[in-house]
């Protein structure tokens, strides 16, 4: 199935990305460079924008990478098992990898 890569694109740089004929090759090179070394991020420039996009992580397509995105960056939280897992199963996998257990809140008692 190959690999998937998470990239954060800064919308403010879209005009530069559209005009920069070298953006595609630079993005491809950054994805090759990260090559599973998800302990770092690689910025990709477009014209005057030094970080028009940032490569966050790469993973095998059989699994889910859970990534939080905000503040013009992304943080890999962990992996959520196989691609057929449901949301709760993914959450449980990531929580377990961080040493936590996910369980449903008890029902509230009626007064």
N, C-alpha and C. Protein backbone atom coordinates (compact mmCIF):
# COMPACT_ATOMS: atom_id res chain seq x y z
N UNK A 1 0.80 -1.19 0.00
CA UNK A 1 0.00 0.00 0.00
C UNK A 1 0.85 1.26 0.00
N UNK A 2 2.09 1.18 0.35
CA UNK A 2 2.93 2.37 0.32
C UNK A 2 2.94 3.14 1.63
N UNK A 3 3.23 4.41 1.52
CA UNK A 3 3.36 5.28 2.68
C UNK A 3 2.51 6.53 2.50
N UNK A 4 2.14 7.14 3.63
CA UNK A 4 1.42 8.42 3.66
C UNK A 4 2.26 9.42 4.42
N UNK A 5 2.11 10.69 4.09
CA UNK A 5 2.86 11.75 4.74
C UNK A 5 1.90 12.85 5.15
N UNK A 6 2.10 13.37 6.35
CA UNK A 6 1.32 14.51 6.83
C UNK A 6 2.10 15.78 6.59
N UNK A 7 1.46 16.73 5.91
CA UNK A 7 2.08 18.01 5.60
C UNK A 7 1.12 19.12 6.03
N UNK A 8 1.62 20.11 6.76
CA UNK A 8 0.84 21.29 7.11
C UNK A 8 1.18 22.37 6.10
N UNK A 9 0.15 22.89 5.43
CA UNK A 9 0.32 23.96 4.45
C UNK A 9 -0.20 25.25 5.06
N UNK A 10 0.61 26.30 5.02
CA UNK A 10 0.17 27.60 5.51
C UNK A 10 -0.64 28.29 4.42
N UNK A 11 -1.91 28.47 4.68
CA UNK A 11 -2.79 29.07 3.67
C UNK A 11 -2.33 30.45 3.24
N UNK A 12 -1.66 31.18 4.14
CA UNK A 12 -1.15 32.51 3.79
C UNK A 12 -0.11 32.43 2.67
N UNK A 13 0.46 31.27 2.46
CA UNK A 13 1.50 31.12 1.44
C UNK A 13 0.97 30.51 0.14
N UNK A 14 -0.33 30.30 0.03
CA UNK A 14 -0.87 29.63 -1.16
C UNK A 14 -0.51 30.35 -2.45
N UNK A 15 -0.53 31.68 -2.44
CA UNK A 15 -0.18 32.42 -3.66
C UNK A 15 1.26 32.14 -4.08
N UNK A 16 2.15 32.03 -3.10
CA UNK A 16 3.55 31.73 -3.41
C UNK A 16 3.70 30.29 -3.88
N UNK A 17 2.94 29.37 -3.27
CA UNK A 17 3.00 27.97 -3.68
C UNK A 17 2.52 27.83 -5.12
N UNK A 18 1.46 28.54 -5.48
CA UNK A 18 0.93 28.48 -6.86
C UNK A 18 1.95 28.95 -7.88
N UNK A 19 2.74 29.94 -7.52
CA UNK A 19 3.66 30.56 -8.47
C UNK A 19 5.05 29.94 -8.49
N UNK A 20 5.39 29.20 -7.44
CA UNK A 20 6.75 28.66 -7.31
C UNK A 20 6.84 27.31 -8.03
N UNK A 21 7.49 27.30 -9.18
CA UNK A 21 7.59 26.06 -9.98
C UNK A 21 8.48 25.01 -9.30
N UNK A 22 9.26 25.41 -8.31
CA UNK A 22 10.15 24.47 -7.61
C UNK A 22 9.56 23.94 -6.32
N UNK A 23 8.34 24.39 -5.96
CA UNK A 23 7.74 23.94 -4.70
C UNK A 23 7.52 22.42 -4.71
N UNK A 24 6.95 21.88 -5.76
CA UNK A 24 6.70 20.44 -5.84
C UNK A 24 7.95 19.61 -5.65
N UNK A 25 9.02 19.90 -6.38
CA UNK A 25 10.25 19.14 -6.17
C UNK A 25 10.82 19.30 -4.76
N UNK A 26 10.73 20.51 -4.18
CA UNK A 26 11.24 20.71 -2.81
C UNK A 26 10.40 19.93 -1.80
N UNK A 27 9.07 19.90 -2.00
CA UNK A 27 8.21 19.13 -1.11
C UNK A 27 8.55 17.64 -1.21
N UNK A 28 8.70 17.14 -2.43
CA UNK A 28 9.06 15.73 -2.62
C UNK A 28 10.39 15.41 -1.94
N UNK A 29 11.36 16.28 -2.05
CA UNK A 29 12.67 16.07 -1.42
C UNK A 29 12.55 16.04 0.10
N UNK A 30 11.73 16.95 0.66
CA UNK A 30 11.55 16.98 2.11
C UNK A 30 10.90 15.69 2.61
N UNK A 31 9.93 15.18 1.86
CA UNK A 31 9.27 13.93 2.24
C UNK A 31 10.27 12.78 2.20
N UNK A 32 11.12 12.75 1.18
CA UNK A 32 12.15 11.72 1.10
C UNK A 32 13.14 11.83 2.26
N UNK A 33 13.48 13.07 2.63
CA UNK A 33 14.45 13.30 3.71
C UNK A 33 13.91 12.86 5.06
N UNK A 34 12.63 13.11 5.32
CA UNK A 34 12.09 12.73 6.63
C UNK A 34 12.06 11.22 6.77
N UNK A 35 11.72 10.52 5.70
CA UNK A 35 11.82 9.06 5.60
C UNK A 35 11.60 8.27 6.87
N UNK A 36 10.56 8.56 7.63
CA UNK A 36 10.29 7.82 8.85
C UNK A 36 10.98 8.37 10.08
N UNK A 37 11.82 9.38 9.93
CA UNK A 37 12.47 10.02 11.08
C UNK A 37 11.51 11.08 11.61
N UNK A 38 10.48 10.64 12.33
CA UNK A 38 9.41 11.53 12.74
C UNK A 38 9.74 12.33 14.00
N UNK A 39 11.02 12.38 14.35
CA UNK A 39 11.43 13.16 15.51
C UNK A 39 11.81 14.59 15.11
N UNK A 40 11.57 14.94 13.86
CA UNK A 40 11.88 16.29 13.38
C UNK A 40 10.85 16.68 12.34
N UNK A 41 10.80 17.96 12.03
CA UNK A 41 9.94 18.47 10.97
C UNK A 41 10.82 19.12 9.92
N UNK A 42 10.35 19.15 8.68
CA UNK A 42 11.12 19.78 7.62
C UNK A 42 10.26 20.84 6.96
N UNK A 43 10.71 22.09 7.01
CA UNK A 43 10.01 23.19 6.36
C UNK A 43 10.31 23.20 4.87
N UNK A 44 9.32 23.59 4.09
CA UNK A 44 9.47 23.68 2.64
C UNK A 44 9.12 25.12 2.25
N UNK A 45 10.03 25.76 1.55
CA UNK A 45 9.83 27.16 1.17
C UNK A 45 9.10 27.27 -0.17
N UNK A 46 8.50 28.44 -0.34
CA UNK A 46 7.89 28.80 -1.62
C UNK A 46 8.09 30.30 -1.79
N UNK A 47 8.90 30.65 -2.75
CA UNK A 47 9.24 32.05 -2.99
C UNK A 47 9.70 32.69 -1.68
N UNK A 48 9.02 33.70 -1.17
CA UNK A 48 9.47 34.41 0.03
C UNK A 48 9.07 33.76 1.34
N UNK A 49 8.28 32.70 1.30
CA UNK A 49 7.85 32.03 2.53
C UNK A 49 8.80 30.89 2.86
N UNK A 50 9.52 31.04 3.95
CA UNK A 50 10.50 30.02 4.35
C UNK A 50 9.79 28.73 4.74
N UNK A 51 8.62 28.85 5.38
CA UNK A 51 7.89 27.66 5.81
C UNK A 51 6.48 27.67 5.22
N UNK A 52 6.39 27.67 3.91
CA UNK A 52 5.08 27.61 3.25
C UNK A 52 4.36 26.31 3.59
N UNK A 53 5.13 25.27 3.84
CA UNK A 53 4.59 23.97 4.25
C UNK A 53 5.62 23.31 5.15
N UNK A 54 5.14 22.40 5.99
CA UNK A 54 6.02 21.66 6.88
C UNK A 54 5.66 20.19 6.82
N UNK A 55 6.64 19.36 6.57
CA UNK A 55 6.44 17.91 6.58
C UNK A 55 6.52 17.47 8.04
N UNK A 56 5.45 16.83 8.51
CA UNK A 56 5.35 16.45 9.92
C UNK A 56 5.81 15.02 10.16
N UNK A 57 5.29 14.09 9.38
CA UNK A 57 5.64 12.69 9.60
C UNK A 57 5.30 11.87 8.37
N UNK A 58 5.87 10.67 8.33
CA UNK A 58 5.59 9.69 7.29
C UNK A 58 5.35 8.35 7.98
N UNK A 59 4.37 7.60 7.48
CA UNK A 59 4.07 6.30 8.08
C UNK A 59 3.53 5.35 7.01
N UNK A 60 3.56 4.07 7.30
CA UNK A 60 3.03 3.08 6.37
C UNK A 60 1.52 3.23 6.28
N UNK A 61 0.99 3.07 5.09
CA UNK A 61 -0.43 3.30 4.83
C UNK A 61 -1.34 2.30 5.53
N UNK A 62 -0.82 1.21 6.06
CA UNK A 62 -1.65 0.24 6.77
C UNK A 62 -2.04 0.72 8.17
N UNK A 63 -1.43 1.79 8.66
CA UNK A 63 -1.72 2.27 10.00
C UNK A 63 -2.18 3.71 10.00
N UNK A 64 -2.69 4.14 11.14
CA UNK A 64 -3.11 5.52 11.33
C UNK A 64 -2.06 6.27 12.12
N UNK A 65 -1.65 7.44 11.65
CA UNK A 65 -0.86 8.36 12.45
C UNK A 65 -1.83 9.39 12.99
N UNK A 66 -1.74 9.67 14.27
CA UNK A 66 -2.61 10.67 14.88
C UNK A 66 -1.77 11.92 15.08
N UNK A 67 -2.20 13.02 14.44
CA UNK A 67 -1.45 14.26 14.43
C UNK A 67 -2.35 15.41 14.85
N UNK A 68 -1.88 16.22 15.77
CA UNK A 68 -2.59 17.44 16.16
C UNK A 68 -1.98 18.60 15.38
N UNK A 69 -2.83 19.44 14.79
CA UNK A 69 -2.36 20.54 13.95
C UNK A 69 -2.88 21.85 14.51
N UNK A 70 -2.00 22.82 14.62
CA UNK A 70 -2.36 24.16 15.07
C UNK A 70 -1.11 25.01 15.21
N UNK A 71 -1.28 26.32 15.23
CA UNK A 71 -0.13 27.20 15.41
C UNK A 71 0.90 27.07 14.31
N UNK A 72 0.44 26.83 13.08
CA UNK A 72 1.32 26.67 11.92
C UNK A 72 2.28 25.49 12.04
N UNK A 73 1.87 24.48 12.78
CA UNK A 73 2.73 23.30 12.94
C UNK A 73 1.86 22.08 13.25
N UNK A 74 2.47 20.95 13.33
CA UNK A 74 1.79 19.72 13.69
C UNK A 74 2.64 18.91 14.65
N UNK A 75 1.97 18.13 15.49
CA UNK A 75 2.66 17.28 16.47
C UNK A 75 2.12 15.87 16.33
N UNK A 76 2.99 14.95 16.09
CA UNK A 76 2.59 13.55 16.02
C UNK A 76 2.32 13.04 17.43
N UNK A 77 1.10 12.56 17.66
CA UNK A 77 0.72 12.05 18.97
C UNK A 77 0.97 10.57 19.12
N UNK A 78 0.98 9.85 18.01
CA UNK A 78 1.21 8.42 18.07
C UNK A 78 0.53 7.72 16.92
N UNK A 79 0.50 6.42 17.02
CA UNK A 79 -0.10 5.61 15.97
C UNK A 79 -1.32 4.90 16.51
N UNK A 80 -2.35 4.78 15.68
CA UNK A 80 -3.62 4.24 16.13
C UNK A 80 -3.99 2.91 15.54
N UNK A 81 -3.04 2.05 15.32
CA UNK A 81 -3.36 0.72 14.83
C UNK A 81 -3.65 0.69 13.35
N UNK A 82 -4.37 -0.33 12.93
CA UNK A 82 -4.63 -0.57 11.52
C UNK A 82 -5.63 0.40 10.91
N UNK A 83 -5.59 0.51 9.61
CA UNK A 83 -6.43 1.49 8.91
C UNK A 83 -7.91 1.15 8.96
N UNK A 84 -8.25 -0.04 9.39
CA UNK A 84 -9.67 -0.40 9.51
C UNK A 84 -10.22 -0.11 10.91
N UNK A 85 -9.36 0.37 11.81
CA UNK A 85 -9.81 0.67 13.17
C UNK A 85 -10.82 1.81 13.16
N UNK A 86 -11.72 1.78 14.11
CA UNK A 86 -12.69 2.86 14.31
C UNK A 86 -12.05 3.91 15.22
N UNK A 87 -12.69 5.09 15.30
CA UNK A 87 -12.14 6.21 16.08
C UNK A 87 -11.76 5.83 17.50
N UNK A 88 -12.66 5.13 18.20
CA UNK A 88 -12.38 4.78 19.59
C UNK A 88 -11.19 3.83 19.69
N UNK A 89 -11.08 2.89 18.76
CA UNK A 89 -9.94 1.97 18.77
C UNK A 89 -8.64 2.73 18.53
N UNK A 90 -8.68 3.72 17.65
CA UNK A 90 -7.49 4.53 17.38
C UNK A 90 -7.09 5.30 18.63
N UNK A 91 -8.07 5.93 19.28
CA UNK A 91 -7.81 6.68 20.51
C UNK A 91 -7.21 5.77 21.58
N UNK A 92 -7.75 4.58 21.73
CA UNK A 92 -7.25 3.64 22.73
C UNK A 92 -5.81 3.24 22.44
N UNK A 93 -5.48 3.02 21.17
CA UNK A 93 -4.10 2.64 20.80
C UNK A 93 -3.12 3.75 21.16
N UNK A 94 -3.49 4.98 20.82
CA UNK A 94 -2.59 6.11 21.10
C UNK A 94 -2.46 6.31 22.61
N UNK A 95 -3.57 6.26 23.33
CA UNK A 95 -3.52 6.44 24.78
C UNK A 95 -2.66 5.36 25.43
N UNK A 96 -2.82 4.12 24.98
CA UNK A 96 -2.03 3.01 25.54
C UNK A 96 -0.54 3.22 25.29
N UNK A 97 -0.20 3.73 24.11
CA UNK A 97 1.23 3.96 23.81
C UNK A 97 1.82 5.04 24.71
N UNK A 98 0.96 5.90 25.27
CA UNK A 98 1.41 6.96 26.18
C UNK A 98 1.26 6.55 27.64
N UNK A 99 0.83 5.29 27.89
CA UNK A 99 0.70 4.81 29.25
C UNK A 99 -0.65 5.08 29.89
N UNK A 100 -1.67 5.37 29.08
CA UNK A 100 -3.00 5.66 29.61
C UNK A 100 -4.01 4.61 29.15
N UNK A 101 -5.13 4.58 29.85
CA UNK A 101 -6.23 3.71 29.50
C UNK A 101 -7.46 4.58 29.28
N UNK A 102 -8.18 4.33 28.22
CA UNK A 102 -9.40 5.08 27.92
C UNK A 102 -10.59 4.22 28.33
N UNK A 103 -11.48 4.82 29.06
CA UNK A 103 -12.73 4.13 29.41
C UNK A 103 -13.86 5.14 29.41
N UNK A 104 -15.06 4.65 29.24
CA UNK A 104 -16.24 5.50 29.17
C UNK A 104 -16.57 6.04 30.56
N UNK A 105 -17.01 7.29 30.62
CA UNK A 105 -17.45 7.89 31.88
C UNK A 105 -18.65 7.10 32.41
N UNK A 106 -18.73 6.98 33.74
CA UNK A 106 -19.94 6.33 34.27
C UNK A 106 -21.15 7.22 34.03
N UNK A 107 -22.29 6.58 33.91
CA UNK A 107 -23.52 7.34 33.69
C UNK A 107 -23.80 8.20 34.91
N UNK A 108 -24.29 9.41 34.66
CA UNK A 108 -24.64 10.32 35.77
C UNK A 108 -25.89 9.81 36.46
N UNK A 109 -25.86 9.87 37.76
CA UNK A 109 -27.02 9.45 38.53
C UNK A 109 -28.05 10.55 38.52
N UNK A 110 -29.31 10.18 38.34
CA UNK A 110 -30.39 11.16 38.37
C UNK A 110 -30.67 11.55 39.80
N UNK A 111 -30.98 12.79 40.00
CA UNK A 111 -31.26 13.27 41.36
C UNK A 111 -32.70 13.11 41.71
